[in-house]
């Protein structure tokens, strides 16, 4: 049953990531990866909200939805791409913003649901 919950959550999260990234990037066309930053911060907030919830809810939302929605690999690739293209400050800003906003969003989600 747990595997099915993870599968269902991921089946929603992965296409949502793609659509959200395309939407954000279309509104803010630049080389900075605002779309990836946005989905990672939203996913961090959602994960913070369900931390400590029932195992079924953590499997569905935490592992499935948030796992499909967020993307560490794309964040890493886009940061390396920025650095290789000579945009070191943007690469640094991407790392700093992702860490600060992601951890802050998770903490906020956790605090709001406790």
PDB file of N, CA and C in Angstrom:
ATOM      1  N   UNK A   1       0.810  -1.200   0.000  1.00  0.00           N
ATOM      2  CA  UNK A   1       0.000   0.000   0.000  1.00  0.00           C
ATOM      3  C   UNK A   1       0.857   1.271   0.000  1.00  0.00           C
ATOM      4  N   UNK A   2       1.940   1.256   0.775  1.00  0.00           N
ATOM      5  CA  UNK A   2       2.813   2.426   0.840  1.00  0.00           C
ATOM      6  C   UNK A   2       3.407   2.750  -0.525  1.00  0.00           C
ATOM      7  N   UNK A   3       3.847   1.721  -1.242  1.00  0.00           N
ATOM      8  CA  UNK A   3       4.428   1.940  -2.571  1.00  0.00           C
ATOM      9  C   UNK A   3       3.409   2.571  -3.514  1.00  0.00           C
ATOM     10  N   UNK A   4       2.156   2.167  -3.420  1.00  0.00           N
ATOM     11  CA  UNK A   4       1.104   2.740  -4.261  1.00  0.00           C
ATOM     12  C   UNK A   4       0.896   4.218  -3.929  1.00  0.00           C
ATOM     13  N   UNK A   5       0.928   4.575  -2.656  1.00  0.00           N
ATOM     14  CA  UNK A   5       0.789   5.977  -2.257  1.00  0.00           C
ATOM     15  C   UNK A   5       1.942   6.817  -2.806  1.00  0.00           C
ATOM     16  N   UNK A   6       3.157   6.296  -2.736  1.00  0.00           N
ATOM     17  CA  UNK A   6       4.316   7.002  -3.278  1.00  0.00           C
ATOM     18  C   UNK A   6       4.153   7.177  -4.782  1.00  0.00           C
ATOM     19  N   UNK A   7       3.730   6.126  -5.462  1.00  0.00           N
ATOM     20  CA  UNK A   7       3.540   6.174  -6.910  1.00  0.00           C
ATOM     21  C   UNK A   7       2.505   7.230  -7.291  1.00  0.00           C
ATOM     22  N   UNK A   8       1.383   7.257  -6.604  1.00  0.00           N
ATOM     23  CA  UNK A   8       0.328   8.229  -6.908  1.00  0.00           C
ATOM     24  C   UNK A   8       0.823   9.658  -6.666  1.00  0.00           C
ATOM     25  N   UNK A   9       1.495   9.867  -5.556  1.00  0.00           N
ATOM     26  CA  UNK A   9       2.028  11.202  -5.273  1.00  0.00           C
ATOM     27  C   UNK A   9       3.033  11.651  -6.319  1.00  0.00           C
ATOM     28  N   UNK A  10       3.925  10.759  -6.715  1.00  0.00           N
ATOM     29  CA  UNK A  10       4.935  11.092  -7.726  1.00  0.00           C
ATOM     30  C   UNK A  10       4.305  11.319  -9.095  1.00  0.00           C
ATOM     31  N   UNK A  11       3.236  10.586  -9.390  1.00  0.00           N
ATOM     32  CA  UNK A  11       2.541  10.750 -10.672  1.00  0.00           C
ATOM     33  C   UNK A  11       1.920  12.136 -10.785  1.00  0.00           C
ATOM     34  N   UNK A  12       1.616  12.757  -9.670  1.00  0.00           N
ATOM     35  CA  UNK A  12       1.110  14.129  -9.664  1.00  0.00           C
ATOM     36  C   UNK A  12       2.272  15.119  -9.603  1.00  0.00           C
ATOM     37  N   UNK A  13       3.267  14.834  -8.772  1.00  0.00           N
ATOM     38  CA  UNK A  13       4.364  15.766  -8.545  1.00  0.00           C
ATOM     39  C   UNK A  13       5.255  16.009  -9.752  1.00  0.00           C
ATOM     40  N   UNK A  14       5.586  14.962 -10.496  1.00  0.00           N
ATOM     41  CA  UNK A  14       6.517  15.125 -11.620  1.00  0.00           C
ATOM     42  C   UNK A  14       5.940  15.994 -12.742  1.00  0.00           C
ATOM     43  N   UNK A  15       4.713  15.731 -13.212  1.00  0.00           N
ATOM     44  CA  UNK A  15       4.169  16.638 -14.228  1.00  0.00           C
ATOM     45  C   UNK A  15       3.936  18.048 -13.691  1.00  0.00           C
ATOM     46  N   UNK A  16       3.589  18.148 -12.417  1.00  0.00           N
ATOM     47  CA  UNK A  16       3.402  19.457 -11.807  1.00  0.00           C
ATOM     48  C   UNK A  16       4.708  20.241 -11.815  1.00  0.00           C
ATOM     49  N   UNK A  17       5.820  19.554 -11.565  1.00  0.00           N
ATOM     50  CA  UNK A  17       7.130  20.216 -11.616  1.00  0.00           C
ATOM     51  C   UNK A  17       7.379  20.778 -13.005  1.00  0.00           C
ATOM     52  N   UNK A  18       7.147  19.982 -14.020  1.00  0.00           N
ATOM     53  CA  UNK A  18       7.387  20.421 -15.389  1.00  0.00           C
ATOM     54  C   UNK A  18       6.522  21.633 -15.727  1.00  0.00           C
ATOM     55  N   UNK A  19       5.234  21.553 -15.424  1.00  0.00           N
ATOM     56  CA  UNK A  19       4.315  22.642 -15.750  1.00  0.00           C
ATOM     57  C   UNK A  19       4.635  23.909 -14.963  1.00  0.00           C
ATOM     58  N   UNK A  20       4.936  23.762 -13.680  1.00  0.00           N
ATOM     59  CA  UNK A  20       5.263  24.925 -12.852  1.00  0.00           C
ATOM     60  C   UNK A  20       6.556  25.576 -13.329  1.00  0.00           C
ATOM     61  N   UNK A  21       7.549  24.773 -13.656  1.00  0.00           N
ATOM     62  CA  UNK A  21       8.820  25.316 -14.142  1.00  0.00           C
ATOM     63  C   UNK A  21       8.612  26.090 -15.433  1.00  0.00           C
ATOM     64  N   UNK A  22       7.859  25.528 -16.362  1.00  0.00           N
ATOM     65  CA  UNK A  22       7.596  26.209 -17.638  1.00  0.00           C
ATOM     66  C   UNK A  22       6.822  27.500 -17.402  1.00  0.00           C
ATOM     67  N   UNK A  23       5.848  27.473 -16.501  1.00  0.00           N
ATOM     68  CA  UNK A  23       5.051  28.668 -16.200  1.00  0.00           C
ATOM     69  C   UNK A  23       5.932  29.769 -15.624  1.00  0.00           C
ATOM     70  N   UNK A  24       6.726  29.442 -14.618  1.00  0.00           N
ATOM     71  CA  UNK A  24       7.570  30.453 -13.970  1.00  0.00           C
ATOM     72  C   UNK A  24       8.598  30.988 -14.954  1.00  0.00           C
ATOM     73  N   UNK A  25       9.246  30.120 -15.711  1.00  0.00           N
ATOM     74  CA  UNK A  25      10.261  30.572 -16.653  1.00  0.00           C
ATOM     75  C   UNK A  25       9.656  31.433 -17.769  1.00  0.00           C
ATOM     76  N   UNK A  26       8.408  31.162 -18.140  1.00  0.00           N
ATOM     77  CA  UNK A  26       7.778  31.988 -19.176  1.00  0.00           C
ATOM     78  C   UNK A  26       7.470  33.386 -18.654  1.00  0.00           C
ATOM     79  N   UNK A  27       7.261  33.511 -17.350  1.00  0.00           N
ATOM     80  CA  UNK A  27       6.977  34.811 -16.745  1.00  0.00           C
ATOM     81  C   UNK A  27       8.253  35.579 -16.415  1.00  0.00           C
ATOM     82  N   UNK A  28       9.353  34.858 -16.215  1.00  0.00           N
ATOM     83  CA  UNK A  28      10.642  35.457 -15.854  1.00  0.00           C
ATOM     84  C   UNK A  28      11.726  34.885 -16.757  1.00  0.00           C
ATOM     85  N   UNK A  29      11.703  35.233 -18.045  1.00  0.00           N
ATOM     86  CA  UNK A  29      12.707  34.663 -18.950  1.00  0.00           C
ATOM     87  C   UNK A  29      14.112  35.216 -18.662  1.00  0.00           C
ATOM     88  N   UNK A  30      14.958  34.361 -18.174  1.00  0.00           N
ATOM     89  CA  UNK A  30      16.346  34.712 -17.923  1.00  0.00           C
ATOM     90  C   UNK A  30      17.129  33.423 -17.798  1.00  0.00           C
ATOM     91  N   UNK A  31      18.427  33.550 -17.680  1.00  0.00           N
ATOM     92  CA  UNK A  31      19.219  32.333 -17.526  1.00  0.00           C
ATOM     93  C   UNK A  31      19.158  31.818 -16.088  1.00  0.00           C
ATOM     94  N   UNK A  32      18.707  32.648 -15.137  1.00  0.00           N
ATOM     95  CA  UNK A  32      18.590  32.191 -13.744  1.00  0.00           C
ATOM     96  C   UNK A  32      17.421  31.216 -13.632  1.00  0.00           C
ATOM     97  N   UNK A  33      17.609  30.084 -12.959  1.00  0.00           N
ATOM     98  CA  UNK A  33      16.582  29.039 -12.906  1.00  0.00           C
ATOM     99  C   UNK A  33      15.480  29.294 -11.863  1.00  0.00           C
ATOM    100  N   UNK A  34      14.680  30.321 -12.104  1.00  0.00           N
ATOM    101  CA  UNK A  34      13.603  30.651 -11.171  1.00  0.00           C
ATOM    102  C   UNK A  34      12.590  29.515 -11.034  1.00  0.00           C
ATOM    103  N   UNK A  35      12.330  28.795 -12.109  1.00  0.00           N
ATOM    104  CA  UNK A  35      11.349  27.704 -12.064  1.00  0.00           C
ATOM    105  C   UNK A  35      11.767  26.597 -11.127  1.00  0.00           C
ATOM    106  N   UNK A  36      13.008  26.171 -11.223  1.00  0.00           N
ATOM    107  CA  UNK A  36      13.511  25.117 -10.340  1.00  0.00           C
ATOM    108  C   UNK A  36      13.535  25.597  -8.897  1.00  0.00           C
ATOM    109  N   UNK A  37      13.954  26.824  -8.689  1.00  0.00           N
ATOM    110  CA  UNK A  37      13.955  27.390  -7.342  1.00  0.00           C
ATOM    111  C   UNK A  37      12.543  27.388  -6.766  1.00  0.00           C
ATOM    112  N   UNK A  38      11.572  27.786  -7.562  1.00  0.00           N
ATOM    113  CA  UNK A  38      10.184  27.855  -7.086  1.00  0.00           C
ATOM    114  C   UNK A  38       9.654  26.483  -6.685  1.00  0.00           C
ATOM    115  N   UNK A  39       9.843  25.472  -7.537  1.00  0.00           N
ATOM    116  CA  UNK A  39       9.297  24.149  -7.192  1.00  0.00           C
ATOM    117  C   UNK A  39      10.013  23.552  -5.986  1.00  0.00           C
ATOM    118  N   UNK A  40      11.304  23.823  -5.854  1.00  0.00           N
ATOM    119  CA  UNK A  40      12.024  23.288  -4.700  1.00  0.00           C
ATOM    120  C   UNK A  40      11.587  23.951  -3.395  1.00  0.00           C
ATOM    121  N   UNK A  41      11.305  25.239  -3.433  1.00  0.00           N
ATOM    122  CA  UNK A  41      10.849  25.934  -2.226  1.00  0.00           C
ATOM    123  C   UNK A  41       9.429  25.479  -1.858  1.00  0.00           C
ATOM    124  N   UNK A  42       8.558  25.370  -2.844  1.00  0.00           N
ATOM    125  CA  UNK A  42       7.191  24.893  -2.583  1.00  0.00           C
ATOM    126  C   UNK A  42       7.226  23.460  -2.037  1.00  0.00           C
ATOM    127  N   UNK A  43       8.052  22.612  -2.625  1.00  0.00           N
ATOM    128  CA  UNK A  43       8.180  21.239  -2.142  1.00  0.00           C
ATOM    129  C   UNK A  43       8.733  21.172  -0.731  1.00  0.00           C
ATOM    130  N   UNK A  44       9.674  22.035  -0.413  1.00  0.00           N
ATOM    131  CA  UNK A  44      10.235  22.081   0.942  1.00  0.00           C
ATOM    132  C   UNK A  44       9.172  22.495   1.954  1.00  0.00           C
ATOM    133  N   UNK A  45       8.350  23.467   1.572  1.00  0.00           N
ATOM    134  CA  UNK A  45       7.258  23.898   2.449  1.00  0.00           C
ATOM    135  C   UNK A  45       6.269  22.748   2.684  1.00  0.00           C
ATOM    136  N   UNK A  46       5.878  22.078   1.614  1.00  0.00           N
ATOM    137  CA  UNK A  46       4.926  20.966   1.729  1.00  0.00           C
ATOM    138  C   UNK A  46       5.500  19.846   2.587  1.00  0.00           C
ATOM    139  N   UNK A  47       6.764  19.536   2.402  1.00  0.00           N
ATOM    140  CA  UNK A  47       7.390  18.492   3.208  1.00  0.00           C
ATOM    141  C   UNK A  47       7.438  18.890   4.675  1.00  0.00           C
ATOM    142  N   UNK A  48       7.731  20.155   4.947  1.00  0.00           N
ATOM    143  CA  UNK A  48       7.705  20.629   6.324  1.00  0.00           C
ATOM    144  C   UNK A  48       6.320  20.500   6.944  1.00  0.00           C
ATOM    145  N   UNK A  49       5.294  20.716   6.125  1.00  0.00           N
ATOM    146  CA  UNK A  49       3.913  20.613   6.616  1.00  0.00           C
ATOM    147  C   UNK A  49       3.544  19.193   7.024  1.00  0.00           C
ATOM    148  N   UNK A  50       4.044  18.202   6.303  1.00  0.00           N
ATOM    149  CA  UNK A  50       3.648  16.819   6.603  1.00  0.00           C
ATOM    150  C   UNK A  50       4.646  16.079   7.479  1.00  0.00           C
ATOM    151  N   UNK A  51       5.762  16.730   7.820  1.00  0.00           N
ATOM    152  CA  UNK A  51       6.745  16.080   8.695  1.00  0.00           C
ATOM    153  C   UNK A  51       6.077  15.704  10.012  1.00  0.00           C
ATOM    154  N   UNK A  52       6.198  14.474  10.387  1.00  0.00           N
ATOM    155  CA  UNK A  52       5.600  14.003  11.625  1.00  0.00           C
ATOM    156  C   UNK A  52       4.146  13.583  11.501  1.00  0.00           C
ATOM    157  N   UNK A  53       3.582  13.646  10.291  1.00  0.00           N
ATOM    158  CA  UNK A  53       2.192  13.223  10.076  1.00  0.00           C
ATOM    159  C   UNK A  53       2.133  11.695  10.005  1.00  0.00           C
ATOM    160  N   UNK A  54       0.982  11.178   9.684  1.00  0.00           N
ATOM    161  CA  UNK A  54       0.814   9.728   9.576  1.00  0.00           C
ATOM    162  C   UNK A  54       1.725   9.168   8.487  1.00  0.00           C
ATOM    163  N   UNK A  55       2.165   7.928   8.636  1.00  0.00           N
ATOM    164  CA  UNK A  55       3.031   7.327   7.625  1.00  0.00           C
ATOM    165  C   UNK A  55       2.415   7.328   6.220  1.00  0.00           C
ATOM    166  N   UNK A  56       1.109   7.159   6.136  1.00  0.00           N
ATOM    167  CA  UNK A  56       0.450   7.161   4.827  1.00  0.00           C
ATOM    168  C   UNK A  56       0.536   8.543   4.181  1.00  0.00           C
ATOM    169  N   UNK A  57       0.315   9.585   4.950  1.00  0.00           N
ATOM    170  CA  UNK A  57       0.376  10.949   4.425  1.00  0.00           C
ATOM    171  C   UNK A  57       1.813  11.327   4.043  1.00  0.00           C
ATOM    172  N   UNK A  58       2.770  10.898   4.834  1.00  0.00           N
ATOM    173  CA  UNK A  58       4.174  11.159   4.509  1.00  0.00           C
ATOM    174  C   UNK A  58       4.549  10.438   3.216  1.00  0.00           C
ATOM    175  N   UNK A  59       4.063   9.209   3.025  1.00  0.00           N
ATOM    176  CA  UNK A  59       4.354   8.467   1.792  1.00  0.00           C
ATOM    177  C   UNK A  59       3.737   9.161   0.582  1.00  0.00           C
ATOM    178  N   UNK A  60       2.484   9.561   0.692  1.00  0.00           N
ATOM    179  CA  UNK A  60       1.764  10.189  -0.422  1.00  0.00           C
ATOM    180  C   UNK A  60       2.313  11.583  -0.744  1.00  0.00           C
ATOM    181  N   UNK A  61       2.363  12.442   0.257  1.00  0.00           N
ATOM    182  CA  UNK A  61       2.753  13.840   0.042  1.00  0.00           C
ATOM    183  C   UNK A  61       4.266  14.025   0.152  1.00  0.00           C
ATOM    184  N   UNK A  62       4.847  13.544   1.238  1.00  0.00           N
ATOM    185  CA  UNK A  62       6.273  13.759   1.482  1.00  0.00           C
ATOM    186  C   UNK A  62       7.166  13.058   0.478  1.00  0.00           C
ATOM    187  N   UNK A  63       7.034  11.756   0.380  1.00  0.00           N
ATOM    188  CA  UNK A  63       7.905  10.992  -0.515  1.00  0.00           C
ATOM    189  C   UNK A  63       7.442  11.086  -1.961  1.00  0.00           C
ATOM    190  N   UNK A  64       6.157  10.864  -2.203  1.00  0.00           N
ATOM    191  CA  UNK A  64       5.648  10.842  -3.569  1.00  0.00           C
ATOM    192  C   UNK A  64       5.562  12.213  -4.214  1.00  0.00           C
ATOM    193  N   UNK A  65       4.657  13.047  -3.727  1.00  0.00           N
ATOM    194  CA  UNK A  65       4.427  14.361  -4.334  1.00  0.00           C
ATOM    195  C   UNK A  65       5.680  15.237  -4.270  1.00  0.00           C
ATOM    196  N   UNK A  66       6.248  15.390  -3.075  1.00  0.00           N
ATOM    197  CA  UNK A  66       7.430  16.250  -2.938  1.00  0.00           C
ATOM    198  C   UNK A  66       8.641  15.664  -3.668  1.00  0.00           C
ATOM    199  N   UNK A  67       8.762  14.346  -3.658  1.00  0.00           N
ATOM    200  CA  UNK A  67       9.857  13.706  -4.382  1.00  0.00           C
ATOM    201  C   UNK A  67       9.748  13.914  -5.885  1.00  0.00           C
ATOM    202  N   UNK A  68       8.517  13.880  -6.400  1.00  0.00           N
ATOM    203  CA  UNK A  68       8.315  14.130  -7.825  1.00  0.00           C
ATOM    204  C   UNK A  68       8.380  15.604  -8.182  1.00  0.00           C
ATOM    205  N   UNK A  69       7.975  16.455  -7.262  1.00  0.00           N
ATOM    206  CA  UNK A  69       7.935  17.892  -7.517  1.00  0.00           C
ATOM    207  C   UNK A  69       9.316  18.534  -7.455  1.00  0.00           C
ATOM    208  N   UNK A  70      10.085  18.194  -6.443  1.00  0.00           N
ATOM    209  CA  UNK A  70      11.381  18.840  -6.256  1.00  0.00           C
ATOM    210  C   UNK A  70      12.466  18.138  -7.060  1.00  0.00           C
ATOM    211  N   UNK A  71      13.569  18.819  -7.272  1.00  0.00           N
ATOM    212  CA  UNK A  71      14.629  18.242  -8.086  1.00  0.00           C
ATOM    213  C   UNK A  71      15.993  18.770  -7.684  1.00  0.00           C
ATOM    214  N   UNK A  72      16.750  17.939  -7.026  1.00  0.00           N
ATOM    215  CA  UNK A  72      18.117  18.298  -6.665  1.00  0.00           C
ATOM    216  C   UNK A  72      19.027  18.202  -7.879  1.00  0.00           C
ATOM    217  N   UNK A  73      18.779  17.228  -8.741  1.00  0.00           N
ATOM    218  CA  UNK A  73      19.648  17.045  -9.904  1.00  0.00           C
ATOM    219  C   UNK A  73      19.563  18.233 -10.857  1.00  0.00           C
ATOM    220  N   UNK A  74      18.375  18.747 -11.112  1.00  0.00           N
ATOM    221  CA  UNK A  74      18.246  19.912 -11.994  1.00  0.00           C
ATOM    222  C   UNK A  74      18.855  21.143 -11.349  1.00  0.00           C
ATOM    223  N   UNK A  75      18.639  21.314 -10.056  1.00  0.00           N
ATOM    224  CA  UNK A  75      19.270  22.413  -9.320  1.00  0.00           C
ATOM    225  C   UNK A  75      20.789  22.350  -9.487  1.00  0.00           C
ATOM    226  N   UNK A  76      21.369  21.167  -9.320  1.00  0.00           N
ATOM    227  CA  UNK A  76      22.815  21.002  -9.455  1.00  0.00           C
ATOM    228  C   UNK A  76      23.279  21.304 -10.874  1.00  0.00           C
ATOM    229  N   UNK A  77      22.591  20.736 -11.846  1.00  0.00           N
ATOM    230  CA  UNK A  77      22.959  20.949 -13.250  1.00  0.00           C
ATOM    231  C   UNK A  77      22.890  22.429 -13.621  1.00  0.00           C
ATOM    232  N   UNK A  78      21.797  23.087 -13.237  1.00  0.00           N
ATOM    233  CA  UNK A  78      21.641  24.498 -13.591  1.00  0.00           C
ATOM    234  C   UNK A  78      22.691  25.368 -12.908  1.00  0.00           C
ATOM    235  N   UNK A  79      23.090  25.014 -11.702  1.00  0.00           N
ATOM    236  CA  UNK A  79      24.138  25.763 -11.010  1.00  0.00           C
ATOM    237  C   UNK A  79      25.484  25.599 -11.726  1.00  0.00           C
ATOM    238  N   UNK A  80      25.810  24.370 -12.103  1.00  0.00           N
ATOM    239  CA  UNK A  80      27.051  24.118 -12.835  1.00  0.00           C
ATOM    240  C   UNK A  80      27.024  24.828 -14.190  1.00  0.00           C
ATOM    241  N   UNK A  81      25.882  24.782 -14.871  1.00  0.00           N
ATOM    242  CA  UNK A  81      25.745  25.447 -16.173  1.00  0.00           C
ATOM    243  C   UNK A  81      25.985  26.952 -16.033  1.00  0.00           C
ATOM    244  N   UNK A  82      25.413  27.567 -15.024  1.00  0.00           N
ATOM    245  CA  UNK A  82      25.640  28.998 -14.801  1.00  0.00           C
ATOM    246  C   UNK A  82      27.127  29.286 -14.587  1.00  0.00           C
ATOM    247  N   UNK A  83      27.775  28.478 -13.768  1.00  0.00           N
ATOM    248  CA  UNK A  83      29.201  28.690 -13.490  1.00  0.00           C
ATOM    249  C   UNK A  83      30.039  28.496 -14.755  1.00  0.00           C
ATOM    250  N   UNK A  84      29.745  27.469 -15.523  1.00  0.00           N
ATOM    251  CA  UNK A  84      30.512  27.209 -16.750  1.00  0.00           C
ATOM    252  C   UNK A  84      30.322  28.305 -17.795  1.00  0.00           C
ATOM    253  N   UNK A  85      29.168  28.945 -17.795  1.00  0.00           N
ATOM    254  CA  UNK A  85      28.899  30.019 -18.754  1.00  0.00           C
ATOM    255  C   UNK A  85      29.432  31.368 -18.277  1.00  0.00           C
ATOM    256  N   UNK A  86      30.147  31.348 -17.157  1.00  0.00           N
ATOM    257  CA  UNK A  86      30.747  32.588 -16.667  1.00  0.00           C
ATOM    258  C   UNK A  86      29.842  33.434 -15.793  1.00  0.00           C
ATOM    259  N   UNK A  87      28.797  32.841 -15.283  1.00  0.00           N
ATOM    260  CA  UNK A  87      27.857  33.563 -14.419  1.00  0.00           C
ATOM    261  C   UNK A  87      28.009  33.060 -12.980  1.00  0.00           C
ATOM    262  N   UNK A  88      29.222  33.227 -12.457  1.00  0.00           N
ATOM    263  CA  UNK A  88      29.541  32.721 -11.127  1.00  0.00           C
ATOM    264  C   UNK A  88      28.677  33.290 -10.023  1.00  0.00           C
ATOM    265  N   UNK A  89      28.366  34.575 -10.115  1.00  0.00           N
ATOM    266  CA  UNK A  89      27.535  35.193  -9.071  1.00  0.00           C
ATOM    267  C   UNK A  89      26.113  34.649  -9.110  1.00  0.00           C
ATOM    268  N   UNK A  90      25.599  34.394 -10.312  1.00  0.00           N
ATOM    269  CA  UNK A  90      24.269  33.805 -10.406  1.00  0.00           C
ATOM    270  C   UNK A  90      24.275  32.370  -9.884  1.00  0.00           C
ATOM    271  N   UNK A  91      25.354  31.635 -10.148  1.00  0.00           N
ATOM    272  CA  UNK A  91      25.476  30.269  -9.618  1.00  0.00           C
ATOM    273  C   UNK A  91      25.487  30.302  -8.093  1.00  0.00           C
ATOM    274  N   UNK A  92      26.269  31.218  -7.538  1.00  0.00           N
ATOM    275  CA  UNK A  92      26.318  31.370  -6.085  1.00  0.00           C
ATOM    276  C   UNK A  92      24.951  31.772  -5.534  1.00  0.00           C
ATOM    277  N   UNK A  93      24.290  32.713  -6.200  1.00  0.00           N
ATOM    278  CA  UNK A  93      22.962  33.169  -5.763  1.00  0.00           C
ATOM    279  C   UNK A  93      21.961  32.022  -5.805  1.00  0.00           C
ATOM    280  N   UNK A  94      22.060  31.167  -6.815  1.00  0.00           N
ATOM    281  CA  UNK A  94      21.155  30.024  -6.912  1.00  0.00           C
ATOM    282  C   UNK A  94      21.341  29.076  -5.733  1.00  0.00           C
ATOM    283  N   UNK A  95      22.591  28.800  -5.385  1.00  0.00           N
ATOM    284  CA  UNK A  95      22.864  27.920  -4.244  1.00  0.00           C
ATOM    285  C   UNK A  95      22.379  28.566  -2.945  1.00  0.00           C
ATOM    286  N   UNK A  96      22.731  29.830  -2.743  1.00  0.00           N
ATOM    287  CA  UNK A  96      22.351  30.519  -1.506  1.00  0.00           C
ATOM    288  C   UNK A  96      20.836  30.635  -1.377  1.00  0.00           C
ATOM    289  N   UNK A  97      20.171  31.043  -2.458  1.00  0.00           N
ATOM    290  CA  UNK A  97      18.712  31.199  -2.412  1.00  0.00           C
ATOM    291  C   UNK A  97      18.029  29.852  -2.195  1.00  0.00           C
ATOM    292  N   UNK A  98      18.513  28.825  -2.841  1.00  0.00           N
ATOM    293  CA  UNK A  98      17.910  27.497  -2.696  1.00  0.00           C
ATOM    294  C   UNK A  98      18.033  26.987  -1.267  1.00  0.00           C
ATOM    295  N   UNK A  99      19.209  27.152  -0.672  1.00  0.00           N
ATOM    296  CA  UNK A  99      19.404  26.685   0.699  1.00  0.00           C
ATOM    297  C   UNK A  99      18.598  27.500   1.702  1.00  0.00           C
ATOM    298  N   UNK A 100      18.704  28.803   1.620  1.00  0.00           N
ATOM    299  CA  UNK A 100      18.027  29.658   2.600  1.00  0.00           C
ATOM    300  C   UNK A 100      16.509  29.555   2.450  1.00  0.00           C
ATOM    301  N   UNK A 101      16.018  29.688   1.226  1.00  0.00           N
ATOM    302  CA  UNK A 101      14.568  29.646   1.015  1.00  0.00           C
ATOM    303  C   UNK A 101      14.009  28.249   1.261  1.00  0.00           C
ATOM    304  N   UNK A 102      14.741  27.213   0.851  1.00  0.00           N
ATOM    305  CA  UNK A 102      14.261  25.844   1.050  1.00  0.00           C
ATOM    306  C   UNK A 102      14.159  25.473   2.521  1.00  0.00           C
ATOM    307  N   UNK A 103      15.217  25.728   3.266  1.00  0.00           N
ATOM    308  CA  UNK A 103      15.197  25.420   4.705  1.00  0.00           C
ATOM    309  C   UNK A 103      14.184  26.305   5.419  1.00  0.00           C
ATOM    310  N   UNK A 104      14.122  27.573   5.046  1.00  0.00           N
ATOM    311  CA  UNK A 104      13.137  28.469   5.652  1.00  0.00           C
ATOM    312  C   UNK A 104      11.707  28.034   5.372  1.00  0.00           C
ATOM    313  N   UNK A 105      11.434  27.605   4.151  1.00  0.00           N
ATOM    314  CA  UNK A 105      10.091  27.145   3.790  1.00  0.00           C
ATOM    315  C   UNK A 105       9.730  25.873   4.555  1.00  0.00           C
ATOM    316  N   UNK A 106      10.679  24.951   4.680  1.00  0.00           N
ATOM    317  CA  UNK A 106      10.422  23.725   5.437  1.00  0.00           C
ATOM    318  C   UNK A 106      10.140  24.042   6.908  1.00  0.00           C
ATOM    319  N   UNK A 107      10.921  24.934   7.476  1.00  0.00           N
ATOM    320  CA  UNK A 107      10.717  25.326   8.879  1.00  0.00           C
ATOM    321  C   UNK A 107       9.372  26.013   9.066  1.00  0.00           C
ATOM    322  N   UNK A 108       9.004  26.870   8.110  1.00  0.00           N
ATOM    323  CA  UNK A 108       7.710  27.551   8.192  1.00  0.00           C
ATOM    324  C   UNK A 108       6.563  26.555   8.091  1.00  0.00           C
ATOM    325  N   UNK A 109       6.651  25.632   7.148  1.00  0.00           N
ATOM    326  CA  UNK A 109       5.610  24.618   7.005  1.00  0.00           C
ATOM    327  C   UNK A 109       5.468  23.779   8.261  1.00  0.00           C
ATOM    328  N   UNK A 110       6.599  23.406   8.839  1.00  0.00           N
ATOM    329  CA  UNK A 110       6.585  22.613  10.069  1.00  0.00           C
ATOM    330  C   UNK A 110       5.965  23.408  11.216  1.00  0.00           C
ATOM    331  N   UNK A 111       6.371  24.679  11.340  1.00  0.00           N
ATOM    332  CA  UNK A 111       5.859  25.514  12.444  1.00  0.00           C
ATOM    333  C   UNK A 111       4.358  25.769  12.306  1.00  0.00           C
ATOM    334  N   UNK A 112       3.886  25.937  11.085  1.00  0.00           N
ATOM    335  CA  UNK A 112       2.464  26.223  10.877  1.00  0.00           C
ATOM    336  C   UNK A 112       1.562  25.017  11.156  1.00  0.00           C
ATOM    337  N   UNK A 113       2.124  23.824  11.070  1.00  0.00           N
ATOM    338  CA  UNK A 113       1.293  22.622  11.248  1.00  0.00           C
ATOM    339  C   UNK A 113       1.495  21.958  12.604  1.00  0.00           C
ATOM    340  N   UNK A 114       2.240  22.562  13.485  1.00  0.00           N
ATOM    341  CA  UNK A 114       2.460  21.985  14.811  1.00  0.00           C
ATOM    342  C   UNK A 114       1.609  22.637  15.809  1.00  0.00           C
TER     343      UNK A 114
END
